Amino acid sequence: MTNLELVLERAESLLKRLELYLPIPPENPDWKKVIACRWRRASGRGYLQPVTIPDTINIRDLSAIDEQKKLVDMNTRQFVASLPANNVLLTGSKGTGKSSLIKALLNKYYKKNLRLIEVDKTDLHELPEVIDLISELPYRFVIFCDDLSFGSDDEGYKTLKVALDGSIATTSENILIYATSNRRHLLPEYMSENLETTYKGEEIHAGENVEEKISLSERFGLWVHFDAFSQEEYVNIASYWVKKLAGDVYQVDDHIKRRSLQWALERGSRSGRVAYQFAKNEVGARQLREITKSVSR
């Protein structure tokens, strides 16, 4: 072992010992002031870390997903009204507004006591602990799992299955799980698994591996799929963000539209995320040029 490796090992050991003396985070934030938290770990325990600067996206900012907005908004309205509502799985192409829709609905309904807790995939085994902390509070909580997927040898999905529906204890009525994923069944699918399919008369019966993968997504009561944007939809989204970021000062002409398409071509994607990135670059660069001109005069 080199001197550097020895120093690093001792430093890591010291940090672990010091962690035991750090203040223990509070079990719950002040939900009257906090609308969103992330699940984190410190001093060997999990805690809810308030999001000090939440995303301010508005549901009106999301274009070309009207049907998806309608479905998830209706489910969320039922939830905040203390009516029966479903856990939601949002799947489809990247950058189409799956995560943004959940954040926009939080901004729409937080005054009606809706709150959001983001839990990373690696922390899903701690879901029971999260649920215990909030199950008796007078708020409606969406547990948000973003970009969720599991490898073929990843056992973490079993914890999620139990949290969704499968435990001997009923999940509290003030908690729902909203998850986004590029995979409809959350797990990789292989051609070899199709060989397990059997036939009984005219009925098709999937093999055990396929059934196991389908069983997880089926525990979400509401599936909402997001398709990739067409060229026209992408241009409309880019134009919207240019006008919004510029405060309607700039006219979106054919030149800007062509630039937005070139931007998408260079990145190999016509997603809403790419459209927003183009708008920030376009408006920021133009405003910087105007500032430079005014200073040089």
Protein backbone atom coordinates (compact mmCIF):
# COMPACT_ATOMS: atom_id res chain seq x y z
CA MET A 1 0.00 0.00 0.00
CA THR A 2 1.41 3.42 -1.00
CA ASN A 3 1.65 6.36 1.38
CA LEU A 4 -1.19 8.09 -0.47
CA GLU A 5 -3.47 5.05 -0.18
CA LEU A 6 -2.66 4.78 3.52
CA VAL A 7 -3.50 8.46 4.10
CA LEU A 8 -6.80 8.10 2.20
CA GLU A 9 -7.74 5.00 4.17
CA ARG A 10 -7.05 6.74 7.49
CA ALA A 11 -8.97 9.83 6.37
CA GLU A 12 -11.99 7.72 5.42
CA SER A 13 -11.87 5.94 8.78
CA LEU A 14 -11.69 9.28 10.60
CA LEU A 15 -14.66 10.66 8.65
CA LYS A 16 -16.77 7.63 9.57
CA ARG A 17 -15.99 8.14 13.26
CA LEU A 18 -16.72 11.87 13.08
CA GLU A 19 -20.07 11.15 11.41
CA LEU A 20 -21.27 9.55 14.63
CA TYR A 21 -20.90 12.88 16.42
CA LEU A 22 -22.71 14.98 13.82
CA PRO A 23 -26.13 16.38 14.80
CA ILE A 24 -28.98 14.00 14.06
CA PRO A 25 -31.30 15.55 11.46
CA PRO A 26 -34.90 16.18 12.52
CA GLU A 27 -37.35 13.39 11.73
CA ASN A 28 -39.79 15.67 9.91
CA PRO A 29 -39.49 19.14 8.41
CA ASP A 30 -42.07 21.86 8.94
CA TRP A 31 -44.52 20.84 6.22
CA LYS A 32 -46.34 24.17 6.57
CA LYS A 33 -43.28 25.81 5.02
CA VAL A 34 -41.82 22.93 2.98
CA ILE A 35 -43.55 21.44 -0.05
CA ALA A 36 -40.87 19.00 -1.23
CA CYS A 37 -38.12 16.88 0.33
CA ARG A 38 -35.48 14.34 -0.68
CA TRP A 39 -34.75 11.21 1.33
CA ARG A 40 -31.12 11.32 2.50
CA ARG A 41 -28.84 9.54 4.99
CA ALA A 42 -26.59 10.99 7.69
CA SER A 43 -25.19 9.69 10.98
CA GLY A 44 -26.26 6.22 9.97
CA ARG A 45 -29.93 7.07 9.57
CA GLY A 46 -32.32 8.36 6.94
CA TYR A 47 -34.01 11.75 7.07
CA LEU A 48 -36.07 14.13 4.97
CA GLN A 49 -34.02 16.97 3.48
CA PRO A 50 -36.14 19.98 2.45
CA VAL A 51 -35.78 21.19 -1.13
CA THR A 52 -34.98 24.86 -0.58
CA ILE A 53 -35.42 25.92 -4.22
CA PRO A 54 -38.15 23.74 -5.79
CA ASP A 55 -38.76 23.69 -9.53
CA THR A 56 -41.30 26.39 -10.45
CA ILE A 57 -42.57 24.78 -13.64
CA ASN A 58 -46.23 25.39 -14.38
CA ILE A 59 -48.54 22.85 -15.95
CA ARG A 60 -49.24 25.38 -18.74
CA ASP A 61 -45.55 25.20 -19.67
CA LEU A 62 -45.91 21.58 -20.81
CA SER A 63 -46.90 21.22 -24.46
CA ALA A 64 -47.92 18.30 -26.70
CA ILE A 65 -48.93 16.08 -23.76
CA ASP A 66 -52.49 17.27 -23.19
CA GLU A 67 -53.98 13.79 -22.76
CA GLN A 68 -51.24 12.76 -20.31
CA LYS A 69 -51.75 15.95 -18.30
CA LYS A 70 -55.49 15.30 -18.14
CA LEU A 71 -55.06 11.75 -16.83
CA VAL A 72 -52.47 12.49 -14.13
CA ASP A 73 -54.12 15.75 -13.12
CA MET A 74 -57.46 13.99 -12.59
CA ASN A 75 -55.83 11.30 -10.46
CA THR A 76 -54.04 13.95 -8.38
CA ARG A 77 -57.23 15.97 -7.93
CA GLN A 78 -58.92 12.85 -6.58
CA PHE A 79 -56.00 12.30 -4.22
CA VAL A 80 -55.93 15.81 -2.74
CA ALA A 81 -59.72 15.63 -2.31
CA SER A 82 -59.23 12.48 -0.18
CA LEU A 83 -60.99 10.37 -2.82
CA PRO A 84 -59.78 7.00 -4.15
CA ALA A 85 -56.74 7.45 -6.43
CA ASN A 86 -54.05 5.27 -8.00
CA ASN A 87 -50.30 4.98 -7.91
CA VAL A 88 -49.02 6.24 -11.27
CA LEU A 89 -46.35 4.95 -13.66
CA LEU A 90 -45.30 7.40 -16.37
CA THR A 91 -43.32 5.76 -19.15
CA GLY A 92 -41.96 6.62 -22.57
CA SER A 93 -39.35 8.62 -24.40
CA LYS A 94 -36.82 10.68 -22.49
CA GLY A 95 -37.31 14.42 -22.20
CA THR A 96 -41.05 14.34 -22.92
CA GLY A 97 -42.17 15.87 -19.64
CA LYS A 98 -42.77 12.91 -17.34
CA SER A 99 -40.90 14.31 -14.34
CA SER A 100 -41.86 17.89 -15.15
CA LEU A 101 -45.55 16.97 -15.07
CA ILE A 102 -45.24 15.63 -11.52
CA LYS A 103 -43.41 18.78 -10.38
CA ALA A 104 -45.99 20.98 -12.12
CA LEU A 105 -48.84 19.20 -10.33
CA LEU A 106 -47.08 19.78 -7.01
CA ASN A 107 -46.97 23.50 -7.79
CA LYS A 108 -50.64 23.40 -8.74
CA TYR A 109 -51.90 21.60 -5.63
CA TYR A 110 -49.47 22.37 -2.79
CA LYS A 111 -51.94 24.90 -1.37
CA LYS A 112 -54.34 21.96 -1.01
CA ASN A 113 -51.79 20.19 1.22
CA LEU A 114 -50.08 18.15 -1.49
CA ARG A 115 -46.43 17.41 -0.68
CA LEU A 116 -43.71 15.51 -2.53
CA ILE A 117 -40.85 13.28 -1.34
CA GLU A 118 -38.23 12.16 -3.85
CA VAL A 119 -36.68 8.77 -3.13
CA ASP A 120 -33.76 7.49 -5.20
CA LYS A 121 -33.83 3.96 -6.57
CA THR A 122 -30.91 2.99 -4.34
CA ASP A 123 -32.95 3.95 -1.27
CA LEU A 124 -36.11 2.07 -2.12
CA HIS A 125 -35.38 -0.49 0.59
CA GLU A 126 -36.03 2.34 3.06
CA LEU A 127 -39.54 3.07 1.79
CA PRO A 128 -41.17 1.55 4.91
CA GLU A 129 -39.19 4.01 7.04
CA VAL A 130 -40.29 6.94 4.87
CA ILE A 131 -43.92 5.82 5.02
CA ASP A 132 -43.81 5.48 8.81
CA LEU A 133 -42.65 9.10 9.13
CA ILE A 134 -45.53 10.61 7.14
CA SER A 135 -48.44 8.19 7.31
CA GLU A 136 -50.24 10.01 10.13
CA LEU A 137 -49.58 13.59 9.04
CA PRO A 138 -52.45 15.80 7.80
CA TYR A 139 -51.00 16.13 4.28
CA ARG A 140 -51.25 14.22 1.02
CA PHE A 141 -47.84 12.83 0.01
CA VAL A 142 -46.60 11.75 -3.40
CA ILE A 143 -43.47 9.61 -3.14
CA PHE A 144 -41.61 10.38 -6.36
CA CYS A 145 -39.23 7.83 -7.93
CA ASP A 146 -37.61 9.36 -11.00
CA ASP A 147 -36.07 7.48 -13.93
CA LEU A 148 -36.87 4.15 -12.36
CA SER A 149 -35.50 0.93 -13.83
CA PHE A 150 -33.90 -2.21 -12.49
CA GLY A 151 -31.19 -4.52 -13.79
CA SER A 152 -31.87 -8.20 -14.29
CA ASP A 153 -30.06 -9.00 -11.02
CA ASP A 154 -31.42 -6.02 -9.06
CA GLU A 155 -33.56 -7.09 -6.13
CA GLY A 156 -34.61 -3.56 -5.18
CA TYR A 157 -37.83 -3.84 -7.14
CA LYS A 158 -39.21 -6.31 -4.59
CA THR A 159 -39.31 -3.58 -1.93
CA LEU A 160 -41.24 -1.37 -4.32
CA LYS A 161 -43.69 -4.18 -5.05
CA VAL A 162 -44.44 -4.57 -1.36
CA ALA A 163 -44.85 -0.80 -0.88
CA LEU A 164 -47.25 -0.61 -3.83
CA ASP A 165 -49.40 -3.58 -2.91
CA GLY A 166 -48.33 -6.71 -1.17
CA SER A 167 -47.64 -6.02 2.47
CA ILE A 168 -49.81 -7.42 5.24
CA ALA A 169 -50.33 -3.77 6.26
CA THR A 170 -52.39 -1.45 4.06
CA THR A 171 -50.50 1.57 2.73
CA SER A 172 -51.68 4.78 4.34
CA GLU A 173 -54.45 6.54 2.41
CA ASN A 174 -52.47 9.81 2.41
CA ILE A 175 -49.59 8.35 0.32
CA LEU A 176 -49.25 7.55 -3.38
CA ILE A 177 -46.22 6.57 -5.46
CA TYR A 178 -45.58 8.33 -8.78
CA ALA A 179 -42.71 6.84 -10.79
CA THR A 180 -41.18 7.65 -14.17
CA SER A 181 -39.33 5.21 -16.39
CA ASN A 182 -38.23 4.67 -19.97
CA ARG A 183 -39.31 1.02 -19.58
CA ARG A 184 -42.95 0.08 -19.31
CA HIS A 185 -42.19 -2.99 -17.20
CA LEU A 186 -39.25 -1.37 -15.35
CA LEU A 187 -37.06 -4.44 -15.93
CA PRO A 188 -35.02 -5.48 -18.99
CA GLU A 189 -36.73 -7.96 -21.29
CA TYR A 190 -34.90 -10.68 -23.21
CA MET A 191 -35.77 -12.68 -26.29
CA SER A 192 -34.99 -15.93 -24.46
CA GLU A 193 -37.84 -15.25 -22.05
CA ASN A 194 -40.33 -15.56 -24.90
CA LEU A 195 -39.36 -19.24 -25.15
CA GLU A 196 -40.98 -19.76 -21.74
CA THR A 197 -44.40 -18.91 -23.18
CA THR A 198 -46.84 -21.81 -23.23
CA TYR A 199 -50.18 -22.38 -24.93
CA LYS A 200 -53.33 -23.92 -23.50
CA GLY A 201 -55.80 -24.20 -26.30
CA GLU A 202 -56.06 -20.69 -27.74
CA GLU A 203 -54.77 -19.03 -24.56
CA ILE A 204 -51.22 -17.68 -24.24
CA HIS A 205 -49.52 -18.03 -20.84
CA ALA A 206 -46.34 -16.04 -20.16
CA GLY A 207 -43.40 -17.72 -18.44
CA GLU A 208 -42.46 -17.09 -14.82
CA ASN A 209 -39.74 -14.53 -15.60
CA VAL A 210 -42.10 -12.48 -17.77
CA GLU A 211 -44.87 -12.72 -15.19
CA GLU A 212 -42.48 -11.50 -12.49
CA LYS A 213 -41.55 -8.44 -14.53
CA ILE A 214 -45.13 -7.61 -15.46
CA SER A 215 -46.29 -7.99 -11.86
CA LEU A 216 -44.37 -4.90 -10.73
CA SER A 217 -45.80 -2.48 -13.30
CA GLU A 218 -49.28 -3.93 -12.80
CA ARG A 219 -49.24 -2.69 -9.21
CA PHE A 220 -49.43 0.85 -10.54
CA GLY A 221 -53.13 1.49 -11.07
CA LEU A 222 -52.58 4.16 -13.71
CA TRP A 223 -50.18 3.81 -16.66
CA VAL A 224 -49.49 6.92 -18.71
CA HIS A 225 -47.32 6.69 -21.82
CA PHE A 226 -45.39 9.57 -23.42
CA ASP A 227 -44.47 9.34 -27.11
CA ALA A 228 -41.54 11.09 -28.75
CA PHE A 229 -42.34 14.52 -30.17
CA SER A 230 -42.85 15.15 -33.86
CA GLN A 231 -40.78 17.84 -35.57
CA GLU A 232 -43.71 20.28 -35.46
CA GLU A 233 -44.30 19.63 -31.75
CA TYR A 234 -40.62 20.10 -30.98
CA VAL A 235 -40.48 23.43 -32.85
CA ASN A 236 -43.61 24.65 -31.05
CA ILE A 237 -42.08 23.77 -27.67
CA ALA A 238 -38.80 25.51 -28.53
CA SER A 239 -40.70 28.59 -29.73
CA TYR A 240 -42.75 28.68 -26.54
CA TRP A 241 -39.66 28.66 -24.32
CA VAL A 242 -37.90 31.30 -26.41
CA LYS A 243 -40.88 33.63 -26.00
CA LYS A 244 -41.26 32.87 -22.29
CA LEU A 245 -37.58 33.28 -21.41
CA ALA A 246 -37.35 36.47 -23.45
CA GLY A 247 -40.56 37.88 -22.00
CA ASP A 248 -42.22 37.97 -25.45
CA VAL A 249 -39.62 40.54 -26.54
CA TYR A 250 -38.30 38.48 -29.46
CA GLN A 251 -40.34 37.39 -32.43
CA VAL A 252 -39.90 33.69 -33.18
CA ASP A 253 -39.19 33.75 -36.90
CA ASP A 254 -38.22 31.05 -39.39
CA HIS A 255 -34.54 31.65 -38.63
CA ILE A 256 -34.99 30.73 -34.97
CA LYS A 257 -37.07 27.70 -35.90
CA ARG A 258 -34.35 26.47 -38.26
CA ARG A 259 -31.75 26.98 -35.54
CA SER A 260 -33.85 24.97 -33.11
CA LEU A 261 -34.01 22.07 -35.59
CA GLN A 262 -30.25 22.24 -36.13
CA TRP A 263 -29.76 22.18 -32.36
CA ALA A 264 -31.91 19.05 -32.11
CA LEU A 265 -30.10 17.40 -35.02
CA GLU A 266 -26.73 17.92 -33.35
CA ARG A 267 -28.01 16.26 -30.19
CA GLY A 268 -29.89 13.47 -31.89
CA SER A 269 -33.11 14.24 -30.01
CA ARG A 270 -36.28 16.32 -30.41
CA SER A 271 -37.26 16.16 -26.75
CA GLY A 272 -38.79 18.90 -24.65
CA ARG A 273 -35.59 19.03 -22.62
CA VAL A 274 -33.55 19.73 -25.76
CA ALA A 275 -36.05 22.41 -26.82
CA TYR A 276 -35.68 24.13 -23.44
CA GLN A 277 -31.89 23.95 -23.64
CA PHE A 278 -31.99 25.52 -27.10
CA ALA A 279 -34.20 28.35 -25.84
CA LYS A 280 -31.85 29.13 -22.95
CA ASN A 281 -28.88 29.22 -25.31
CA GLU A 282 -30.72 31.33 -27.90
CA VAL A 283 -32.16 33.89 -25.49
CA GLY A 284 -29.07 34.05 -23.27
CA ALA A 285 -26.70 34.57 -26.21
CA ARG A 286 -28.89 37.27 -27.72
CA GLN A 287 -29.27 39.14 -24.43
CA LEU A 288 -25.52 38.95 -23.82
CA ARG A 289 -24.86 40.50 -27.24
CA GLU A 290 -27.29 43.32 -26.44
CA ILE A 291 -25.61 43.99 -23.10
CA THR A 292 -22.16 43.99 -24.74
CA LYS A 293 -23.33 46.47 -27.39
CA SER A 294 -24.83 48.83 -24.82
CA VAL A 295 -21.65 48.79 -22.71
CA SER A 296 -19.37 49.45 -25.69
CA ARG A 297 -21.29 52.54 -26.75
